[in-house]
């Protein structure tokens, strides 16, 4: 597979996913240029050829492999690929969406980006309209886009969904639907080959697929990197705290990677009460299993909605003597009035920092002193290029080795 233009790798961004797609494309451009340069260097040394001749031969072989008669770019220089597919999205007055591709994608490996939790104003209808879309709007826009891509003859369709839609509706408790699985079946019926997502709320969702592959990425390396910047891991007495029983595996992973003790908050809930906002939750009593007095408490969870659970947990740890409380959230939704509630809690000194990812686009969060955004677009770019070139994802899905290296760099050996 080539690392230059023409390429069969195509990125199509739904309106909600355009911001994240653009960041991933930036990484893809750097990666492809770097790989092309490395490969030409290796081949030049291996066959004792001038690098200019190698580049020309690589471009020649690339041109031979394509069916295009009119070829673009120089024959003796690197030709940067054009990844992004030009598309138009129409939003009708009755709420319907239409996706139209403005160029041929027949036979291409297409990656469709959608951020279903992007509730910022989005330009539609060629910039004539600006709307804030709901999760359901984004899901419907995604479905019509998949259909357009399928009808246009794409070879492979991959969905890039950092936040998997309806992931909290994954377990049947009474007379209710399994909406996470329902959407999975819809994607599968539309010939989606793969789904790339970030920190799935439950592993049960993966079991909903019979043929579609689901790559569940983790932002643990990026989060630990930001944590090491926020506090001195060599001096601070850190304890990892699981905010509830459901997050115990995730926080055990952090505790093992950081080589720190693990504590847990146990919450007694009244499930007859439906959580309305950050203040009105169904939590009745909270207990701590472990010790945080005089220590920095670090909590990690997959997503944050209204934030009520996390606010109570941070206040509880603060009241139990934690010197600093830091939380890491892979998918920072901050729905409703969550940002205002966290502003109040920060003023009271209930927490120190919250680390989130750029997988969810949220302009207001970036303005907050207490919020740290870590970039995961490079991780997604790496996964996309490896999938496209049929390479292993092993070290990206299980990133314990690179976390160990990061910890060693952050924790220099003591002088004897």
Protein backbone atom coordinates (compact mmCIF):
# COMPACT_ATOMS: atom_id res chain seq x y z
CA UNK A 1 0.00 0.00 0.00
CA UNK A 2 1.34 3.45 -0.90
CA UNK A 3 2.26 6.23 1.51
CA UNK A 4 1.66 9.01 -1.00
CA UNK A 5 -0.90 10.27 -3.48
CA UNK A 6 -2.86 8.55 -4.96
CA UNK A 7 -4.12 6.68 -1.88
CA UNK A 8 -7.14 4.50 -1.16
CA UNK A 9 -7.49 5.82 2.39
CA UNK A 10 -10.40 8.27 2.65
CA UNK A 11 -11.76 10.23 5.63
CA UNK A 12 -15.35 11.45 5.59
CA UNK A 13 -16.46 13.72 8.42
CA UNK A 14 -20.08 14.12 9.47
CA UNK A 15 -20.81 17.71 10.61
CA UNK A 16 -20.46 16.78 14.30
CA UNK A 17 -17.19 14.90 13.78
CA UNK A 18 -15.44 17.40 11.54
CA UNK A 19 -13.32 19.00 14.28
CA UNK A 20 -11.91 15.68 15.49
CA UNK A 21 -11.50 14.40 11.92
CA UNK A 22 -9.41 17.45 11.00
CA UNK A 23 -7.09 16.84 13.94
CA UNK A 24 -6.67 13.18 12.98
CA UNK A 25 -5.99 14.14 9.35
CA UNK A 26 -3.20 16.48 10.54
CA UNK A 27 -1.53 13.52 12.27
CA UNK A 28 -2.08 11.29 9.24
CA UNK A 29 -0.29 13.80 7.01
CA UNK A 30 2.73 13.94 9.32
CA UNK A 31 2.80 10.15 9.69
CA UNK A 32 2.60 9.45 5.96
CA UNK A 33 5.33 11.96 5.13
CA UNK A 34 7.56 10.52 7.86
CA UNK A 35 6.97 6.92 6.73
CA UNK A 36 7.61 7.80 3.08
CA UNK A 37 10.89 9.46 4.05
CA UNK A 38 11.95 6.52 6.25
CA UNK A 39 11.11 3.97 3.58
CA UNK A 40 12.98 5.84 0.87
CA UNK A 41 16.02 6.14 3.20
CA UNK A 42 15.99 2.40 3.96
CA UNK A 43 15.59 1.41 0.31
CA UNK A 44 18.30 3.86 -0.74
CA UNK A 45 20.83 2.27 1.66
CA UNK A 46 19.68 -1.29 1.01
CA UNK A 47 20.04 -1.10 -2.78
CA UNK A 48 22.83 1.54 -2.91
CA UNK A 49 20.71 4.00 -4.86
CA UNK A 50 20.37 7.75 -4.76
CA UNK A 51 17.39 8.79 -2.64
CA UNK A 52 16.00 10.88 -5.52
CA UNK A 53 15.95 7.79 -7.74
CA UNK A 54 14.24 5.75 -5.02
CA UNK A 55 11.53 8.40 -4.59
CA UNK A 56 10.94 8.46 -8.33
CA UNK A 57 10.67 4.64 -8.44
CA UNK A 58 8.25 4.65 -5.47
CA UNK A 59 6.07 7.20 -7.25
CA UNK A 60 6.29 5.17 -10.46
CA UNK A 61 5.13 1.99 -8.71
CA UNK A 62 2.35 3.93 -7.03
CA UNK A 63 1.19 5.29 -10.40
CA UNK A 64 1.33 1.81 -11.95
CA UNK A 65 -0.94 0.39 -9.23
CA UNK A 66 -3.71 2.95 -9.79
CA UNK A 67 -6.28 2.86 -12.56
CA UNK A 68 -6.18 6.66 -12.92
CA UNK A 69 -4.91 7.89 -16.28
CA UNK A 70 -4.48 11.53 -15.24
CA UNK A 71 -1.94 11.44 -12.39
CA UNK A 72 -1.37 14.32 -9.99
CA UNK A 73 1.86 15.67 -8.51
CA UNK A 74 5.57 15.54 -9.20
CA UNK A 75 7.34 12.32 -10.18
CA UNK A 76 10.51 12.98 -8.14
CA UNK A 77 9.09 14.42 -4.90
CA UNK A 78 6.82 13.25 -2.11
CA UNK A 79 3.16 13.71 -3.01
CA UNK A 80 1.06 14.30 0.13
CA UNK A 81 -2.18 12.30 0.06
CA UNK A 82 -5.54 14.03 0.04
CA UNK A 83 -7.46 12.12 2.71
CA UNK A 84 -10.60 14.18 3.23
CA UNK A 85 -13.63 13.47 1.07
CA UNK A 86 -15.61 16.50 -0.05
CA UNK A 87 -19.24 16.12 1.02
CA UNK A 88 -22.35 18.25 1.49
CA UNK A 89 -24.86 17.79 4.29
CA UNK A 90 -28.38 19.16 4.02
CA UNK A 91 -30.67 19.70 7.00
CA UNK A 92 -34.32 20.07 6.02
CA UNK A 93 -36.90 22.09 7.91
CA UNK A 94 -38.68 18.93 9.12
CA UNK A 95 -35.45 17.61 10.70
CA UNK A 96 -34.37 15.20 7.94
CA UNK A 97 -30.72 14.89 6.84
CA UNK A 98 -29.17 14.22 3.46
CA UNK A 99 -25.51 13.38 2.80
CA UNK A 100 -24.07 13.85 -0.70
CA UNK A 101 -20.53 12.91 -1.74
CA UNK A 102 -18.92 15.37 -4.15
CA UNK A 103 -16.18 13.01 -5.39
CA UNK A 104 -15.69 9.35 -6.27
CA UNK A 105 -14.84 6.94 -3.43
CA UNK A 106 -15.40 3.69 -5.32
CA UNK A 107 -13.06 0.96 -4.08
CA UNK A 108 -11.69 3.09 -1.22
CA UNK A 109 -11.21 2.33 2.47
CA UNK A 110 -13.52 4.97 4.00
CA UNK A 111 -13.40 6.08 7.64
CA UNK A 112 -16.54 7.98 8.70
CA UNK A 113 -16.11 10.31 11.71
CA UNK A 114 -18.97 11.31 13.99
CA UNK A 115 -18.97 12.97 17.44
CA UNK A 116 -22.47 12.25 18.73
CA UNK A 117 -21.85 14.39 21.85
CA UNK A 118 -20.92 17.56 19.96
CA UNK A 119 -23.58 20.03 21.07
CA UNK A 120 -21.85 23.17 19.80
CA UNK A 121 -23.33 25.18 16.91
CA UNK A 122 -22.64 23.40 13.61
CA UNK A 123 -22.81 24.95 10.14
CA UNK A 124 -25.20 23.16 7.78
CA UNK A 125 -26.64 23.79 4.31
CA UNK A 126 -23.44 25.40 3.07
CA UNK A 127 -23.16 27.67 6.11
CA UNK A 128 -26.68 29.07 5.74
CA UNK A 129 -27.87 27.49 8.97
CA UNK A 130 -26.19 27.02 12.36
CA UNK A 131 -27.75 24.46 14.66
CA UNK A 132 -27.06 22.63 17.90
CA UNK A 133 -27.75 18.96 17.23
CA UNK A 134 -28.93 16.30 19.65
CA UNK A 135 -27.46 12.80 19.98
CA UNK A 136 -30.36 11.46 17.89
CA UNK A 137 -29.66 14.07 15.17
CA UNK A 138 -26.01 13.00 15.04
CA UNK A 139 -26.95 9.30 14.90
CA UNK A 140 -29.39 9.87 12.02
CA UNK A 141 -26.82 11.99 10.19
CA UNK A 142 -24.34 9.13 10.62
CA UNK A 143 -26.80 6.57 9.22
CA UNK A 144 -27.56 8.57 6.06
CA UNK A 145 -23.82 9.12 5.59
CA UNK A 146 -23.10 5.37 5.87
CA UNK A 147 -25.81 4.74 3.28
CA UNK A 148 -24.36 7.35 0.90
CA UNK A 149 -20.89 5.81 1.23
CA UNK A 150 -22.25 2.30 0.68
CA UNK A 151 -24.24 3.41 -2.37
CA UNK A 152 -21.11 5.11 -3.77
CA UNK A 153 -19.23 1.79 -3.83
CA UNK A 154 -16.71 2.06 -1.00
CA UNK A 155 -14.64 -1.09 -0.53
CA UNK A 156 -14.60 -0.92 3.28
CA UNK A 157 -16.57 1.25 5.72
CA UNK A 158 -15.16 2.01 9.17
CA UNK A 159 -16.95 4.16 11.75
CA UNK A 160 -14.83 6.36 14.01
CA UNK A 161 -17.10 6.96 17.02
CA UNK A 162 -15.07 8.15 20.03
CA UNK A 163 -18.32 8.14 22.02
CA UNK A 164 -20.39 5.08 21.11
CA UNK A 165 -24.07 6.14 20.89
CA UNK A 166 -26.41 4.83 23.62
CA UNK A 167 -23.55 2.93 25.28
CA UNK A 168 -25.25 3.23 28.68
CA UNK A 169 -28.21 1.20 27.40
CA UNK A 170 -26.24 -2.04 27.26
CA UNK A 171 -27.79 -4.20 29.99
CA UNK A 172 -31.34 -5.50 30.21
CA UNK A 173 -32.77 -4.94 33.70
CA UNK A 174 -36.52 -5.06 33.12
CA UNK A 175 -38.85 -4.30 30.21
CA UNK A 176 -36.38 -2.16 28.32
CA UNK A 177 -34.49 -2.27 25.06
CA UNK A 178 -30.80 -2.96 24.44
CA UNK A 179 -30.28 0.16 22.34
CA UNK A 180 -26.49 -0.13 22.22
CA UNK A 181 -26.87 -3.57 20.62
CA UNK A 182 -29.69 -2.34 18.37
CA UNK A 183 -27.45 0.30 16.82
CA UNK A 184 -24.70 -2.29 16.43
CA UNK A 185 -27.07 -4.50 14.44
CA UNK A 186 -28.04 -1.52 12.25
CA UNK A 187 -24.38 -0.72 11.51
CA UNK A 188 -23.72 -4.36 10.73
CA UNK A 189 -26.72 -4.59 8.37
CA UNK A 190 -25.31 -1.55 6.53
CA UNK A 191 -22.06 -3.46 5.85
CA UNK A 192 -19.89 -1.54 8.31
CA UNK A 193 -16.66 -3.51 8.58
CA UNK A 194 -15.15 -1.90 11.69
CA UNK A 195 -15.94 0.51 14.50
CA UNK A 196 -13.22 2.45 16.31
CA UNK A 197 -14.31 3.83 19.67
CA UNK A 198 -12.83 5.10 22.94
CA UNK A 199 -13.33 3.50 26.38
CA UNK A 200 -16.60 1.66 25.78
CA UNK A 201 -18.93 1.93 28.75
CA UNK A 202 -19.27 -1.86 28.80
CA UNK A 203 -17.48 -4.77 27.15
CA UNK A 204 -20.90 -6.34 26.59
CA UNK A 205 -21.40 -4.03 23.60
CA UNK A 206 -18.61 -5.78 21.67
CA UNK A 207 -20.57 -9.04 21.98
CA UNK A 208 -23.44 -7.51 19.99
CA UNK A 209 -21.51 -7.89 16.72
CA UNK A 210 -21.37 -11.05 14.65
CA UNK A 211 -19.14 -9.81 11.81
CA UNK A 212 -18.22 -6.17 12.46
CA UNK A 213 -14.93 -5.67 14.32
CA UNK A 214 -14.96 -3.24 17.25
CA UNK A 215 -11.63 -1.68 18.24
CA UNK A 216 -11.95 -0.26 21.77
CA UNK A 217 -9.11 2.24 22.36
CA UNK A 218 -7.92 3.55 25.73
CA UNK A 219 -6.63 7.02 26.60
CA UNK A 220 -4.65 5.83 29.64
CA UNK A 221 -1.21 6.75 28.25
CA UNK A 222 -2.33 10.28 27.28
CA UNK A 223 -4.04 10.76 30.67
CA UNK A 224 -1.00 9.60 32.68
CA UNK A 225 1.18 11.90 30.58
CA UNK A 226 -0.98 14.89 31.62
CA UNK A 227 -1.10 13.68 35.23
CA UNK A 228 2.71 13.65 35.32
CA UNK A 229 2.65 17.30 34.19
CA UNK A 230 -0.01 18.34 36.71
CA UNK A 231 1.76 16.87 39.76
CA UNK A 232 5.23 15.59 40.59
CA UNK A 233 4.85 11.82 40.71
CA UNK A 234 8.26 11.52 42.39
CA UNK A 235 7.24 13.68 45.38
CA UNK A 236 3.46 13.47 45.76
CA UNK A 237 1.93 10.65 47.77
CA UNK A 238 -0.65 9.42 45.26
CA UNK A 239 -3.50 6.97 45.74
CA UNK A 240 -5.75 5.77 42.91
CA UNK A 241 -9.43 5.72 43.88
CA UNK A 242 -12.17 3.91 42.01
CA UNK A 243 -15.28 6.17 42.12
CA UNK A 244 -17.56 3.11 42.18
CA UNK A 245 -17.59 -0.67 41.73
CA UNK A 246 -18.15 -0.36 37.98
CA UNK A 247 -14.85 1.50 37.48
CA UNK A 248 -12.71 -0.84 39.58
CA UNK A 249 -11.00 -2.56 36.62
CA UNK A 250 -10.11 0.74 34.97
CA UNK A 251 -8.62 2.20 38.16
CA UNK A 252 -6.84 -1.05 38.98
CA UNK A 253 -5.10 -0.66 35.61
CA UNK A 254 -3.96 2.87 36.59
CA UNK A 255 -2.87 1.73 40.05
CA UNK A 256 -0.82 -1.10 38.53
CA UNK A 257 0.73 1.16 35.88
CA UNK A 258 1.55 3.93 38.35
CA UNK A 259 2.56 1.37 41.02
CA UNK A 260 0.33 3.10 43.57
CA UNK A 261 -2.23 1.82 46.12
CA UNK A 262 -5.86 1.39 45.10
CA UNK A 263 -8.84 2.55 47.15
CA UNK A 264 -12.55 2.46 46.34
CA UNK A 265 -15.66 4.50 47.05
CA UNK A 266 -18.73 2.41 47.72
CA UNK A 267 -22.07 4.13 47.06
CA UNK A 268 -25.45 3.00 48.27
CA UNK A 269 -28.08 4.08 45.72
CA UNK A 270 -31.85 4.38 45.71
CA UNK A 271 -32.77 3.25 42.19
CA UNK A 272 -36.36 4.42 42.61
CA UNK A 273 -34.93 7.94 42.15
CA UNK A 274 -33.93 9.07 38.63
CA UNK A 275 -30.87 11.38 38.48
CA UNK A 276 -31.91 14.79 37.16
CA UNK A 277 -28.75 16.88 37.47
CA UNK A 278 -25.41 17.13 39.26
CA UNK A 279 -26.99 17.99 42.62
CA UNK A 280 -30.03 15.72 42.62
CA UNK A 281 -28.71 12.16 42.39
CA UNK A 282 -29.91 8.81 43.70
CA UNK A 283 -26.86 8.30 45.99
CA UNK A 284 -27.92 7.81 49.64
CA UNK A 285 -24.65 7.01 51.46
CA UNK A 286 -20.94 6.83 50.60
CA UNK A 287 -18.13 4.80 52.22
CA UNK A 288 -14.39 4.73 51.57
CA UNK A 289 -12.43 1.49 51.36
CA UNK A 290 -8.84 2.68 51.79
CA UNK A 291 -6.98 5.77 53.02
CA UNK A 292 -6.59 9.15 51.28
CA UNK A 293 -5.66 11.38 54.24
CA UNK A 294 -2.69 13.61 53.35
CA UNK A 295 -2.52 12.14 49.84
CA UNK A 296 -3.33 13.12 46.27
CA UNK A 297 -6.44 11.20 45.16
CA UNK A 298 -6.69 10.26 41.49
CA UNK A 299 -9.97 8.93 40.02
CA UNK A 300 -10.62 7.67 36.48
CA UNK A 301 -13.90 7.00 34.72
CA UNK A 302 -15.04 6.47 31.14
CA UNK A 303 -17.60 9.26 30.78
CA UNK A 304 -19.10 12.22 32.61
CA UNK A 305 -22.70 13.29 32.00
CA UNK A 306 -24.30 15.56 34.57
CA UNK A 307 -21.32 14.96 36.86
CA UNK A 308 -23.31 14.39 40.05
CA UNK A 309 -21.59 11.11 40.90
CA UNK A 310 -18.11 12.55 40.42
CA UNK A 311 -18.89 15.75 42.36
CA UNK A 312 -20.04 13.75 45.39
CA UNK A 313 -16.99 11.50 45.13
CA UNK A 314 -14.57 14.42 45.00
CA UNK A 315 -16.26 16.20 47.89
CA UNK A 316 -16.16 12.96 49.87
CA UNK A 317 -12.41 12.51 49.24
CA UNK A 318 -11.74 16.17 50.11
CA UNK A 319 -13.62 15.77 53.40
CA UNK A 320 -11.62 12.61 54.12
CA UNK A 321 -8.35 14.55 54.04
CA UNK A 322 -7.12 14.30 50.42
CA UNK A 323 -4.69 17.16 49.70
CA UNK A 324 -5.63 17.26 46.01
CA UNK A 325 -8.33 15.49 44.03
CA UNK A 326 -7.72 14.87 40.33
CA UNK A 327 -10.17 13.11 38.02
CA UNK A 328 -9.60 11.69 34.54
CA UNK A 329 -12.54 11.35 32.14
CA UNK A 330 -12.11 9.78 28.69
CA UNK A 331 -15.40 11.19 27.35
CA UNK A 332 -16.21 14.56 28.99
CA UNK A 333 -19.84 15.21 27.98
CA UNK A 334 -20.62 17.75 30.75
CA UNK A 335 -24.33 17.84 29.92
CA UNK A 336 -26.92 20.24 31.37
CA UNK A 337 -25.44 22.68 33.92
CA UNK A 338 -22.50 20.42 34.79
CA UNK A 339 -19.82 23.02 33.99
CA UNK A 340 -21.40 25.57 36.35
CA UNK A 341 -21.61 22.95 39.11
CA UNK A 342 -17.93 22.09 38.69
CA UNK A 343 -17.06 25.81 38.72
CA UNK A 344 -18.71 26.08 42.14
CA UNK A 345 -16.97 22.97 43.44
CA UNK A 346 -13.59 24.25 42.22
CA UNK A 347 -14.10 27.58 44.01
CA UNK A 348 -14.76 25.62 47.20
CA UNK A 349 -11.50 23.72 46.71
CA UNK A 350 -13.19 20.33 46.37
CA UNK A 351 -10.93 19.28 43.51
CA UNK A 352 -7.70 20.35 41.79
CA UNK A 353 -7.93 19.30 38.13
CA UNK A 354 -10.01 17.26 35.68
CA UNK A 355 -8.22 15.63 32.75
CA UNK A 356 -10.36 14.96 29.67
CA UNK A 357 -9.77 14.13 26.02
CA UNK A 358 -10.49 16.03 22.82
CA UNK A 359 -12.59 13.09 21.56
CA UNK A 360 -15.65 15.16 22.55
CA UNK A 361 -15.76 18.72 21.22
CA UNK A 362 -16.63 21.16 24.00
CA UNK A 363 -15.53 24.80 23.66
CA UNK A 364 -16.61 25.94 27.13
CA UNK A 365 -14.49 23.33 28.90
CA UNK A 366 -11.30 24.59 27.29
CA UNK A 367 -11.82 27.98 28.96
CA UNK A 368 -11.78 26.52 32.49
CA UNK A 369 -8.66 26.75 34.66
CA UNK A 370 -9.48 23.41 36.27
CA UNK A 371 -9.77 21.51 32.98
CA UNK A 372 -6.86 19.84 31.15
CA UNK A 373 -7.47 18.54 27.62
CA UNK A 374 -5.30 15.70 26.35
CA UNK A 375 -5.08 14.97 22.64
CA UNK A 376 -6.00 11.45 21.47
CA UNK A 377 -6.16 12.24 17.74
CA UNK A 378 -2.64 10.82 17.29
CA UNK A 379 -3.80 7.51 18.78
CA UNK A 380 -6.74 7.34 16.37
CA UNK A 381 -4.48 8.26 13.42
CA UNK A 382 -2.10 5.43 14.35
CA UNK A 383 -4.95 2.93 14.54
CA UNK A 384 -6.44 4.08 11.23
CA UNK A 385 -3.17 3.81 9.29
CA UNK A 386 -2.38 0.40 10.79
CA UNK A 387 -5.82 -0.94 9.92
CA UNK A 388 -5.55 0.44 6.41
CA UNK A 389 -2.14 -1.18 5.90
CA UNK A 390 -3.16 -4.45 7.61
CA UNK A 391 -0.72 -4.05 10.50
CA UNK A 392 -1.01 -5.17 14.13
CA UNK A 393 -2.80 -3.02 16.73
CA UNK A 394 -1.49 -5.02 19.70
CA UNK A 395 0.75 -2.39 21.29
CA UNK A 396 -1.88 0.35 20.79
CA UNK A 397 -4.73 -1.60 22.38
CA UNK A 398 -2.55 -2.85 25.27
CA UNK A 399 -0.38 0.17 26.06
CA UNK A 400 1.14 -1.02 29.36
CA UNK A 401 4.65 -1.09 27.90
CA UNK A 402 4.64 2.57 26.82
CA UNK A 403 3.08 3.56 30.16
CA UNK A 404 5.97 1.79 31.94
CA UNK A 405 8.44 3.80 29.86
CA UNK A 406 6.60 7.04 30.69
CA UNK A 407 6.65 6.26 34.43
CA UNK A 408 10.39 5.48 34.30
CA UNK A 409 11.08 8.82 32.64
CA UNK A 410 8.90 10.65 35.20
CA UNK A 411 10.50 8.77 38.13
CA UNK A 412 14.30 8.97 37.90
CA UNK A 413 16.33 6.42 39.84
CA UNK A 414 17.37 7.47 43.36
CA UNK A 415 21.01 8.16 44.03
CA UNK A 416 22.71 5.45 46.05
